[in-house]
């Protein structure tokens, strides 16, 4: 399972955190607005109660309220009317359940639909606590699509409880609309925050990208030093300095490893390759003069020659691989006649035991000399094609041919080697060019032993050499059984051909 990147984790975490903060802030804003409305209603009620109490005290009406004086009732109703409005109703609940309601005498009150609702909807007054006889803190309730605040404040001398009912004019539909607006604001803030967080993370992660770029450019140069971007650790953030120092230590270890490898290559060249070459040459000379030997000795000498030749080729391949890894492999890319090189190679291998199986086919158009020129090292091309031939012979039946073909396309020359063996599984097409990799078709299912012997570096050498020459090698689809491996090299066109191609 692929892990989420640190950048994405940070981005999602910060966005989620800020989204929660925005949600809490918006919720708190709604809570503060409602709390402010409660406080305003409470101040309104306290102010009305204080003003009515002062009026009652000034006119000596407080004491008369206890006796149900008609004069006192009329005075109180007038006061209640004065402090009631289009959205506020004030009444007095006296001991015993008697109510004093305002008497609307002004056109503003009589014409107000909200004010008439206070009287025409008994349930509204019941919900507001019509007969409350104690002090009540402000509370909110909804009725008939409206929102109302109510509270009760006792007058002095047990004269009754003053009730205040306020229509705040906020319907449930308006509340839902407000919540939808808040939700929209929250979504916009989340989107903007995600964009800002992304920009900030790109800025914050710049040092990490610089370090990543430096690590990606690390490579060995033929001089033995590590080539790549140099980033002073002191210029990096504190959190990355440890990685930078580890990168510096890694560079030093690479340089030391390269030096040891270079010494190893020189030692192999002198201590191993030279004796093997002498053994090969000597055994070949002895074979030419082996007419006096018996059959067993002759076969033993032939085995020595074959094995020494195989080991010599293996050592040379290993040296080429090592030189290619360190960039010290000598490749001379020059224009050469591809048909001539391949034809000479096929003629040379004809003398070998399996040489008669190799058939050379070429595109008829390649008969024109100026159309044959490929760019590369002809000796290395011979080495690559020979490796492919030996590989094809090894993995196909002795009665089947090995086809070497040459084809020219617009800007490339294609050299293909095809056999009629078991073929290469498609999942191994890329891996077979890795050093020491053996295809799954090389191993039998029951015994687990290799079907054909080999070091596993021949195709790796072909890949390395062709890439050094600016070309490529790959397995290609085949219409028949077997495997077909193709080398693609750059083609040098004649001046006339270049003009025609450009046109």
Protein backbone atom coordinates (compact mmCIF):
# COMPACT_ATOMS: atom_id res chain seq x y z
CA UNK A 1 0.00 0.00 0.00
CA UNK A 2 1.36 3.40 -1.00
CA UNK A 3 1.89 5.74 1.96
CA UNK A 4 0.60 9.28 1.86
CA UNK A 5 3.28 11.91 1.33
CA UNK A 6 4.35 14.16 4.20
CA UNK A 7 3.27 17.21 2.23
CA UNK A 8 -0.21 15.83 1.77
CA UNK A 9 -0.43 14.78 5.40
CA UNK A 10 0.59 18.24 6.59
CA UNK A 11 -1.78 19.89 4.14
CA UNK A 12 -4.76 17.77 5.17
CA UNK A 13 -3.93 18.12 8.89
CA UNK A 14 -3.61 21.90 8.76
CA UNK A 15 -6.70 22.28 6.60
CA UNK A 16 -8.72 20.03 8.92
CA UNK A 17 -7.48 21.87 12.00
CA UNK A 18 -8.26 25.30 10.58
CA UNK A 19 -11.64 24.05 9.34
CA UNK A 20 -12.54 23.00 12.88
CA UNK A 21 -11.34 26.37 14.16
CA UNK A 22 -13.51 28.17 11.58
CA UNK A 23 -16.53 26.05 12.52
CA UNK A 24 -16.05 26.77 16.22
CA UNK A 25 -15.58 30.47 15.51
CA UNK A 26 -18.73 30.70 13.41
CA UNK A 27 -20.70 28.74 16.00
CA UNK A 28 -19.38 31.02 18.72
CA UNK A 29 -20.39 34.01 16.63
CA UNK A 30 -23.97 32.70 16.47
CA UNK A 31 -23.85 32.00 20.20
CA UNK A 32 -22.57 35.52 20.90
CA UNK A 33 -25.32 37.04 18.75
CA UNK A 34 -27.99 35.09 20.65
CA UNK A 35 -26.42 35.96 23.99
CA UNK A 36 -26.36 39.62 22.98
CA UNK A 37 -30.09 39.40 22.14
CA UNK A 38 -30.81 37.90 25.56
CA UNK A 39 -28.88 40.67 27.25
CA UNK A 40 -30.63 43.35 25.23
CA UNK A 41 -34.03 41.83 26.10
CA UNK A 42 -33.05 41.65 29.75
CA UNK A 43 -31.93 45.30 29.72
CA UNK A 44 -35.16 46.20 27.94
CA UNK A 45 -37.21 44.43 30.61
CA UNK A 46 -35.26 45.96 33.49
CA UNK A 47 -35.57 49.41 31.95
CA UNK A 48 -39.35 49.07 31.42
CA UNK A 49 -39.85 47.73 34.95
CA UNK A 50 -37.78 50.51 36.49
CA UNK A 51 -39.62 53.21 34.54
CA UNK A 52 -43.07 51.80 35.40
CA UNK A 53 -42.07 51.47 39.07
CA UNK A 54 -40.98 55.11 39.16
CA UNK A 55 -44.29 56.22 37.59
CA UNK A 56 -46.28 54.14 40.05
CA UNK A 57 -44.33 55.49 43.01
CA UNK A 58 -44.65 59.08 41.85
CA UNK A 59 -48.43 58.78 41.57
CA UNK A 60 -48.90 56.59 44.64
CA UNK A 61 -50.46 53.83 42.56
CA UNK A 62 -48.43 50.90 43.98
CA UNK A 63 -50.48 50.63 47.16
CA UNK A 64 -53.77 50.97 45.27
CA UNK A 65 -52.94 47.99 43.06
CA UNK A 66 -53.45 45.67 46.02
CA UNK A 67 -57.06 46.85 46.45
CA UNK A 68 -58.00 46.53 42.75
CA UNK A 69 -58.80 50.22 42.47
CA UNK A 70 -60.29 51.11 39.08
CA UNK A 71 -58.31 54.31 39.10
CA UNK A 72 -55.07 52.44 39.69
CA UNK A 73 -55.97 49.88 37.01
CA UNK A 74 -56.59 52.61 34.45
CA UNK A 75 -53.28 54.27 35.29
CA UNK A 76 -51.38 51.00 35.00
CA UNK A 77 -53.04 50.11 31.66
CA UNK A 78 -52.04 53.51 30.32
CA UNK A 79 -48.45 52.91 31.44
CA UNK A 80 -48.45 49.43 29.92
CA UNK A 81 -49.71 50.91 26.65
CA UNK A 82 -46.99 53.55 26.70
CA UNK A 83 -44.26 50.91 27.02
CA UNK A 84 -45.76 48.40 24.60
CA UNK A 85 -44.92 48.69 20.93
CA UNK A 86 -45.31 46.98 17.59
CA UNK A 87 -43.06 44.12 18.70
CA UNK A 88 -43.19 44.42 22.51
CA UNK A 89 -46.10 43.59 24.82
CA UNK A 90 -46.00 44.49 28.52
CA UNK A 91 -48.65 43.34 31.01
CA UNK A 92 -49.04 42.93 34.76
CA UNK A 93 -49.92 39.68 36.48
CA UNK A 94 -51.31 40.44 39.96
CA UNK A 95 -51.74 38.09 42.89
CA UNK A 96 -54.80 35.92 42.47
CA UNK A 97 -54.34 35.51 38.74
CA UNK A 98 -55.76 38.88 37.71
CA UNK A 99 -54.18 40.41 34.59
CA UNK A 100 -53.81 44.01 33.54
CA UNK A 101 -53.26 44.23 29.76
CA UNK A 102 -52.39 47.41 27.91
CA UNK A 103 -55.26 49.27 26.34
CA UNK A 104 -54.21 50.19 22.79
CA UNK A 105 -55.22 53.77 22.16
CA UNK A 106 -52.76 54.78 19.47
CA UNK A 107 -53.17 53.98 15.76
CA UNK A 108 -49.66 52.49 15.68
CA UNK A 109 -50.62 49.76 18.12
CA UNK A 110 -54.10 49.06 16.77
CA UNK A 111 -52.81 48.79 13.22
CA UNK A 112 -49.81 46.57 14.09
CA UNK A 113 -50.32 42.96 13.00
CA UNK A 114 -47.69 41.82 15.49
CA UNK A 115 -49.43 43.64 18.32
CA UNK A 116 -52.82 42.17 17.39
CA UNK A 117 -51.26 38.71 17.37
CA UNK A 118 -50.47 39.13 21.05
CA UNK A 119 -54.21 39.26 21.79
CA UNK A 120 -55.67 37.09 19.03
CA UNK A 121 -53.45 34.05 19.79
CA UNK A 122 -54.05 32.93 23.38
CA UNK A 123 -51.50 30.14 23.01
CA UNK A 124 -48.79 32.72 22.48
CA UNK A 125 -49.49 34.36 25.85
CA UNK A 126 -49.67 30.95 27.50
CA UNK A 127 -46.27 30.01 26.13
CA UNK A 128 -44.97 33.35 27.39
CA UNK A 129 -46.22 32.58 30.93
CA UNK A 130 -49.29 34.80 31.11
CA UNK A 131 -49.95 34.23 34.83
CA UNK A 132 -46.38 33.99 36.05
CA UNK A 133 -46.13 35.26 39.62
CA UNK A 134 -42.37 35.09 40.17
CA UNK A 135 -39.32 36.56 38.56
CA UNK A 136 -38.11 34.65 35.48
CA UNK A 137 -34.88 35.11 33.57
CA UNK A 138 -35.09 35.79 29.83
CA UNK A 139 -35.91 32.74 27.73
CA UNK A 140 -36.62 32.12 24.06
CA UNK A 141 -39.33 30.11 22.33
CA UNK A 142 -40.74 29.79 18.83
CA UNK A 143 -44.39 29.89 17.83
CA UNK A 144 -46.25 30.21 14.54
CA UNK A 145 -43.05 30.72 12.56
CA UNK A 146 -41.72 33.46 14.86
CA UNK A 147 -39.11 33.71 17.63
CA UNK A 148 -39.99 35.39 20.93
CA UNK A 149 -38.11 36.45 24.06
CA UNK A 150 -39.89 36.75 27.40
CA UNK A 151 -39.05 37.53 31.01
CA UNK A 152 -40.87 38.57 34.23
CA UNK A 153 -39.87 41.15 36.85
CA UNK A 154 -41.78 41.58 40.20
CA UNK A 155 -42.85 45.09 41.26
CA UNK A 156 -42.27 46.45 44.76
CA UNK A 157 -44.65 45.75 47.60
CA UNK A 158 -46.03 42.54 46.07
CA UNK A 159 -47.98 44.67 43.62
CA UNK A 160 -47.61 42.04 40.88
CA UNK A 161 -45.24 40.65 38.30
CA UNK A 162 -44.46 42.67 35.21
CA UNK A 163 -44.32 40.51 32.06
CA UNK A 164 -42.42 41.49 28.89
CA UNK A 165 -42.90 39.63 25.60
CA UNK A 166 -40.75 40.63 22.61
CA UNK A 167 -41.09 39.48 19.02
CA UNK A 168 -37.47 39.46 17.77
CA UNK A 169 -38.63 38.90 14.18
CA UNK A 170 -36.42 35.87 13.49
CA UNK A 171 -38.36 33.04 11.82
CA UNK A 172 -37.10 29.43 11.64
CA UNK A 173 -36.74 29.93 7.89
CA UNK A 174 -34.50 32.95 8.54
CA UNK A 175 -32.51 30.93 11.04
CA UNK A 176 -32.01 28.14 8.48
CA UNK A 177 -30.95 30.72 5.94
CA UNK A 178 -28.47 32.15 8.44
CA UNK A 179 -27.04 28.68 9.06
CA UNK A 180 -26.75 28.08 5.32
CA UNK A 181 -24.92 31.38 4.94
CA UNK A 182 -22.57 30.41 7.76
CA UNK A 183 -22.03 27.02 6.13
CA UNK A 184 -21.24 28.73 2.81
CA UNK A 185 -18.78 31.05 4.54
CA UNK A 186 -17.19 28.03 6.22
CA UNK A 187 -16.81 26.19 2.90
CA UNK A 188 -15.24 29.24 1.23
CA UNK A 189 -12.81 29.60 4.14
CA UNK A 190 -11.89 25.90 3.89
CA UNK A 191 -11.18 26.17 0.14
CA UNK A 192 -9.14 29.35 0.57
CA UNK A 193 -7.27 27.79 3.49
CA UNK A 194 -6.45 24.67 1.47
CA UNK A 195 -5.00 26.83 -1.32
CA UNK A 196 -3.01 29.00 1.10
CA UNK A 197 -1.73 25.94 2.99
CA UNK A 198 -0.60 24.39 -0.30
CA UNK A 199 1.32 27.54 -1.24
CA UNK A 200 2.88 27.76 2.21
CA UNK A 201 3.89 24.09 2.17
CA UNK A 202 5.52 24.54 -1.25
CA UNK A 203 7.55 27.38 0.26
CA UNK A 204 8.36 25.48 3.46
CA UNK A 205 9.44 22.34 1.57
CA UNK A 206 11.89 24.18 -0.71
CA UNK A 207 14.92 23.13 1.41
CA UNK A 208 13.80 19.49 1.26
CA UNK A 209 13.48 19.68 -2.53
CA UNK A 210 16.96 21.20 -2.79
CA UNK A 211 18.34 18.36 -0.72
CA UNK A 212 16.41 15.82 -2.79
CA UNK A 213 17.79 17.34 -6.00
CA UNK A 214 21.31 17.16 -4.60
CA UNK A 215 20.91 13.50 -3.68
CA UNK A 216 19.52 12.70 -7.13
CA UNK A 217 22.57 14.21 -8.85
CA UNK A 218 25.08 12.11 -6.92
CA UNK A 219 27.29 10.16 -9.33
CA UNK A 220 30.84 8.93 -9.65
CA UNK A 221 33.15 10.54 -12.16
CA UNK A 222 36.19 8.86 -13.67
CA UNK A 223 38.52 10.92 -11.45
CA UNK A 224 37.16 9.10 -8.40
CA UNK A 225 35.27 11.98 -6.80
CA UNK A 226 31.55 12.26 -6.17
CA UNK A 227 29.93 14.66 -8.58
CA UNK A 228 26.70 16.47 -7.66
CA UNK A 229 25.21 19.58 -6.09
CA UNK A 230 27.00 20.79 -2.99
CA UNK A 231 24.73 22.13 -0.26
CA UNK A 232 26.45 23.48 2.87
CA UNK A 233 24.70 21.93 5.85
CA UNK A 234 24.81 25.23 7.73
CA UNK A 235 22.53 26.85 5.13
CA UNK A 236 19.78 24.29 5.70
CA UNK A 237 17.10 24.39 8.43
CA UNK A 238 18.07 22.73 11.68
CA UNK A 239 15.75 19.77 11.02
CA UNK A 240 17.57 18.94 7.74
CA UNK A 241 21.14 19.45 8.86
CA UNK A 242 21.39 15.85 10.11
CA UNK A 243 20.33 14.55 6.71
CA UNK A 244 22.80 16.89 5.00
CA UNK A 245 25.67 15.67 7.15
CA UNK A 246 24.63 12.07 6.44
CA UNK A 247 24.68 12.94 2.72
CA UNK A 248 28.23 14.30 3.06
CA UNK A 249 29.33 11.15 4.87
CA UNK A 250 27.68 9.05 2.16
CA UNK A 251 29.61 10.97 -0.51
CA UNK A 252 32.86 10.22 1.25
CA UNK A 253 31.99 6.54 1.51
CA UNK A 254 31.18 6.47 -2.21
CA UNK A 255 34.54 8.00 -3.03
CA UNK A 256 36.30 5.43 -0.85
CA UNK A 257 34.30 2.60 -2.43
CA UNK A 258 35.16 3.85 -5.90
CA UNK A 259 38.84 3.98 -5.02
CA UNK A 260 38.75 0.40 -3.73
CA UNK A 261 36.88 -0.71 -6.85
CA UNK A 262 39.40 1.02 -9.09
CA UNK A 263 42.23 -0.78 -7.31
CA UNK A 264 40.32 -4.04 -7.63
CA UNK A 265 39.91 -3.54 -11.39
CA UNK A 266 43.61 -2.88 -11.82
CA UNK A 267 44.45 -5.94 -9.76
CA UNK A 268 42.06 -8.10 -11.79
CA UNK A 269 43.53 -6.80 -15.05
CA UNK A 270 47.05 -7.70 -14.00
CA UNK A 271 46.66 -10.71 -11.72
CA UNK A 272 43.75 -12.57 -13.34
CA UNK A 273 43.18 -11.56 -16.93
CA UNK A 274 46.81 -11.95 -18.04
CA UNK A 275 47.27 -15.55 -16.73
CA UNK A 276 43.92 -16.63 -18.17
CA UNK A 277 44.88 -15.19 -21.54
CA UNK A 278 48.17 -17.09 -21.42
CA UNK A 279 46.35 -20.32 -20.55
CA UNK A 280 43.92 -19.79 -23.44
CA UNK A 281 46.65 -19.04 -25.98
CA UNK A 282 48.81 -21.92 -24.79
CA UNK A 283 45.97 -24.44 -24.86
CA UNK A 284 45.05 -23.31 -28.37
CA UNK A 285 48.63 -23.84 -29.56
CA UNK A 286 48.73 -27.27 -27.94
CA UNK A 287 45.48 -28.21 -29.64
CA UNK A 288 47.04 -27.41 -33.01
CA UNK A 289 49.90 -29.78 -32.17
CA UNK A 290 47.83 -32.46 -30.46
CA UNK A 291 47.97 -35.04 -33.22
CA UNK A 292 50.11 -37.34 -31.03
CA UNK A 293 47.75 -37.24 -28.04
CA UNK A 294 45.23 -39.91 -27.27
CA UNK A 295 41.51 -39.14 -27.37
CA UNK A 296 41.17 -38.56 -23.60
CA UNK A 297 44.07 -36.10 -23.43
CA UNK A 298 42.84 -34.29 -26.51
CA UNK A 299 39.38 -33.84 -24.98
CA UNK A 300 40.92 -32.67 -21.70
CA UNK A 301 43.00 -30.10 -23.54
CA UNK A 302 39.96 -28.94 -25.49
CA UNK A 303 38.06 -28.55 -22.22
CA UNK A 304 40.86 -26.41 -20.80
CA UNK A 305 40.77 -24.20 -23.88
CA UNK A 306 36.96 -23.84 -23.82
CA UNK A 307 36.78 -23.08 -20.11
CA UNK A 308 39.69 -20.64 -20.18
CA UNK A 309 38.07 -18.84 -23.12
CA UNK A 310 34.76 -18.68 -21.25
CA UNK A 311 36.45 -17.36 -18.08
CA UNK A 312 38.43 -14.85 -20.14
CA UNK A 313 35.23 -13.52 -21.69
CA UNK A 314 33.54 -13.44 -18.28
CA UNK A 315 36.39 -11.44 -16.74
CA UNK A 316 36.35 -9.01 -19.64
CA UNK A 317 32.59 -8.55 -19.22
CA UNK A 318 32.98 -7.94 -15.49
CA UNK A 319 35.68 -5.38 -16.16
CA UNK A 320 33.47 -3.65 -18.70
CA UNK A 321 30.61 -3.55 -16.20
CA UNK A 322 32.87 -2.09 -13.51
CA UNK A 323 34.29 0.50 -15.87
CA UNK A 324 30.79 1.41 -17.07
CA UNK A 325 29.59 1.95 -13.49
CA UNK A 326 32.48 4.32 -12.78
CA UNK A 327 32.30 6.13 -16.12
CA UNK A 328 35.77 4.98 -17.19
CA UNK A 329 34.69 2.70 -20.05
CA UNK A 330 36.27 3.81 -23.29
CA UNK A 331 33.71 4.13 -26.11
CA UNK A 332 34.57 5.77 -29.43
CA UNK A 333 31.39 6.73 -31.25
CA UNK A 334 32.10 7.19 -34.93
CA UNK A 335 30.14 6.56 -38.15
CA UNK A 336 30.61 2.99 -39.43
CA UNK A 337 29.12 0.73 -42.07
CA UNK A 338 26.64 -1.43 -40.13
CA UNK A 339 26.18 -4.01 -42.91
CA UNK A 340 29.91 -4.55 -43.27
CA UNK A 341 30.41 -4.99 -39.51
CA UNK A 342 27.54 -7.47 -39.16
CA UNK A 343 28.48 -9.37 -42.30
CA UNK A 344 32.10 -9.75 -41.12
CA UNK A 345 30.89 -10.91 -37.71
CA UNK A 346 28.61 -13.55 -39.26
CA UNK A 347 31.52 -14.74 -41.43
CA UNK A 348 33.80 -14.98 -38.37
CA UNK A 349 31.34 -17.00 -36.25
CA UNK A 350 30.83 -19.40 -39.19
CA UNK A 351 34.08 -21.08 -38.12
CA UNK A 352 32.64 -21.84 -34.68
CA UNK A 353 30.80 -25.02 -33.82
CA UNK A 354 27.41 -23.30 -33.89
CA UNK A 355 28.24 -20.76 -36.61
CA UNK A 356 26.36 -22.63 -39.35
CA UNK A 357 23.07 -21.86 -37.54
CA UNK A 358 23.42 -18.07 -38.01
CA UNK A 359 21.62 -16.57 -41.00
CA UNK A 360 22.07 -12.92 -41.95
CA UNK A 361 19.18 -10.99 -43.48
CA UNK A 362 19.24 -7.34 -44.48
CA UNK A 363 16.82 -4.80 -45.86
CA UNK A 364 17.32 -4.43 -49.64
CA UNK A 365 17.41 -0.66 -49.30
CA UNK A 366 20.64 -0.95 -47.31
CA UNK A 367 22.59 -1.82 -50.45
CA UNK A 368 23.21 1.90 -50.95
CA UNK A 369 26.50 2.70 -49.17
CA UNK A 370 25.45 6.08 -47.76
CA UNK A 371 22.38 4.53 -46.17
CA UNK A 372 24.43 2.07 -44.08
CA UNK A 373 26.15 4.43 -41.70
CA UNK A 374 25.38 3.96 -38.01
CA UNK A 375 26.94 5.93 -35.16
CA UNK A 376 28.75 3.94 -32.48
CA UNK A 377 31.86 1.93 -31.70
CA UNK A 378 32.10 -0.89 -34.31
CA UNK A 379 34.09 -3.18 -31.97
CA UNK A 380 31.53 -2.72 -29.20
CA UNK A 381 28.71 -3.35 -31.68
CA UNK A 382 30.40 -6.63 -32.65
CA UNK A 383 30.64 -7.51 -28.95
CA UNK A 384 26.94 -6.75 -28.38
CA UNK A 385 25.69 -8.73 -31.40
CA UNK A 386 28.00 -11.64 -30.56
CA UNK A 387 26.58 -11.75 -27.03
CA UNK A 388 23.05 -11.84 -28.48
CA UNK A 389 24.06 -14.62 -30.90
CA UNK A 390 25.58 -16.74 -28.13
CA UNK A 391 22.52 -16.14 -25.99
CA UNK A 392 20.20 -17.19 -28.83
CA UNK A 393 22.24 -20.33 -29.55
CA UNK A 394 22.28 -21.25 -25.88
CA UNK A 395 18.50 -21.00 -25.42
CA UNK A 396 17.32 -22.66 -28.66
CA UNK A 397 17.47 -26.13 -30.12
CA UNK A 398 20.54 -27.04 -32.17
CA UNK A 399 18.35 -27.79 -35.18
CA UNK A 400 16.85 -24.29 -35.33
CA UNK A 401 18.42 -21.24 -37.00
CA UNK A 402 19.41 -17.93 -35.42
CA UNK A 403 18.36 -15.00 -37.60
CA UNK A 404 20.40 -11.79 -37.59
CA UNK A 405 18.63 -9.00 -39.43
CA UNK A 406 19.44 -5.39 -40.24
CA UNK A 407 16.86 -2.73 -40.95
CA UNK A 408 17.01 1.02 -41.55
CA UNK A 409 14.31 3.48 -40.55
CA UNK A 410 14.33 7.25 -40.81
CA UNK A 411 16.79 8.11 -38.03
CA UNK A 412 17.84 4.71 -36.69
CA UNK A 413 19.40 1.43 -37.70
CA UNK A 414 17.91 -1.69 -36.09
CA UNK A 415 19.96 -4.85 -35.52
CA UNK A 416 17.81 -7.82 -34.45
CA UNK A 417 18.78 -11.31 -33.29
CA UNK A 418 15.98 -13.88 -33.22
CA UNK A 419 15.92 -17.49 -32.03
CA UNK A 420 13.24 -20.19 -32.01
CA UNK A 421 13.60 -21.27 -28.40
CA UNK A 422 11.09 -21.09 -25.52
CA UNK A 423 11.00 -17.29 -25.62
CA UNK A 424 11.10 -14.75 -22.79
CA UNK A 425 8.07 -14.15 -20.52
CA UNK A 426 6.73 -10.64 -20.98
CA UNK A 427 7.12 -9.81 -17.30
CA UNK A 428 10.89 -10.40 -17.68
CA UNK A 429 11.44 -8.20 -20.74
CA UNK A 430 12.92 -5.33 -18.72
CA UNK A 431 14.59 -7.38 -15.98
CA UNK A 432 16.70 -9.60 -18.23
CA UNK A 433 18.99 -6.65 -18.92
CA UNK A 434 19.90 -6.40 -15.23
CA UNK A 435 23.23 -7.89 -14.20
CA UNK A 436 23.02 -11.47 -12.84
CA UNK A 437 19.25 -11.67 -13.39
CA UNK A 438 17.95 -14.97 -14.72
CA UNK A 439 14.59 -15.13 -16.48
CA UNK A 440 11.86 -17.32 -15.02
CA UNK A 441 12.03 -19.37 -18.21
CA UNK A 442 15.63 -20.29 -17.32
CA UNK A 443 14.48 -22.29 -14.30
CA UNK A 444 12.60 -25.58 -14.60
CA UNK A 445 9.56 -25.94 -12.39
CA UNK A 446 10.45 -29.26 -10.75
CA UNK A 447 14.22 -29.43 -10.36
CA UNK A 448 14.91 -25.73 -9.95
CA UNK A 449 18.07 -26.07 -12.02
CA UNK A 450 19.03 -23.71 -14.85
CA UNK A 451 17.94 -24.86 -18.27
CA UNK A 452 21.08 -23.25 -19.72
CA UNK A 453 24.29 -22.21 -18.03
CA UNK A 454 25.35 -18.59 -17.99
CA UNK A 455 26.68 -15.78 -15.83
CA UNK A 456 23.68 -13.49 -16.26
CA UNK A 457 25.76 -10.49 -17.33
CA UNK A 458 25.78 -10.82 -21.13
CA UNK A 459 22.58 -8.84 -21.70
CA UNK A 460 23.60 -6.33 -19.03
CA UNK A 461 26.79 -5.71 -21.02
CA UNK A 462 24.72 -5.25 -24.20
CA UNK A 463 22.44 -2.70 -22.50
CA UNK A 464 25.34 -0.76 -21.00
CA UNK A 465 27.32 -0.61 -24.26
CA UNK A 466 24.36 0.36 -26.46
CA UNK A 467 23.38 3.16 -24.06
CA UNK A 468 26.98 4.38 -24.02
CA UNK A 469 26.73 4.58 -27.81
CA UNK A 470 23.52 6.61 -27.59
CA UNK A 471 21.26 3.69 -28.54
CA UNK A 472 19.03 1.21 -26.77
CA UNK A 473 18.21 -2.50 -26.60
CA UNK A 474 14.89 -4.19 -25.94
CA UNK A 475 12.85 -7.34 -26.43
CA UNK A 476 10.37 -6.98 -29.30
CA UNK A 477 7.21 -8.82 -30.23
CA UNK A 478 7.69 -11.81 -32.51
CA UNK A 479 5.18 -13.38 -34.90
CA UNK A 480 6.67 -16.83 -34.30
CA UNK A 481 7.94 -18.78 -31.31
CA UNK A 482 11.18 -17.73 -29.66
CA UNK A 483 12.73 -14.47 -28.58
CA UNK A 484 13.74 -11.44 -30.62
CA UNK A 485 16.09 -8.81 -29.15
CA UNK A 486 16.70 -5.59 -31.03
CA UNK A 487 19.52 -3.03 -30.82
CA UNK A 488 18.69 0.50 -31.99
CA UNK A 489 21.56 2.79 -33.01
CA UNK A 490 21.54 6.32 -34.33
CA UNK A 491 21.77 6.57 -38.08
CA UNK A 492 23.95 9.01 -39.99
CA UNK A 493 22.11 10.26 -43.04
CA UNK A 494 23.72 11.56 -46.17
CA UNK A 495 23.49 15.30 -46.86
CA UNK A 496 20.78 14.77 -49.47
CA UNK A 497 18.85 12.51 -47.15
CA UNK A 498 19.08 15.03 -44.31
CA UNK A 499 17.66 17.77 -46.54
CA UNK A 500 14.85 15.47 -47.67
CA UNK A 501 14.07 14.50 -44.08
CA UNK A 502 14.03 18.12 -42.93
CA UNK A 503 11.68 19.06 -45.76
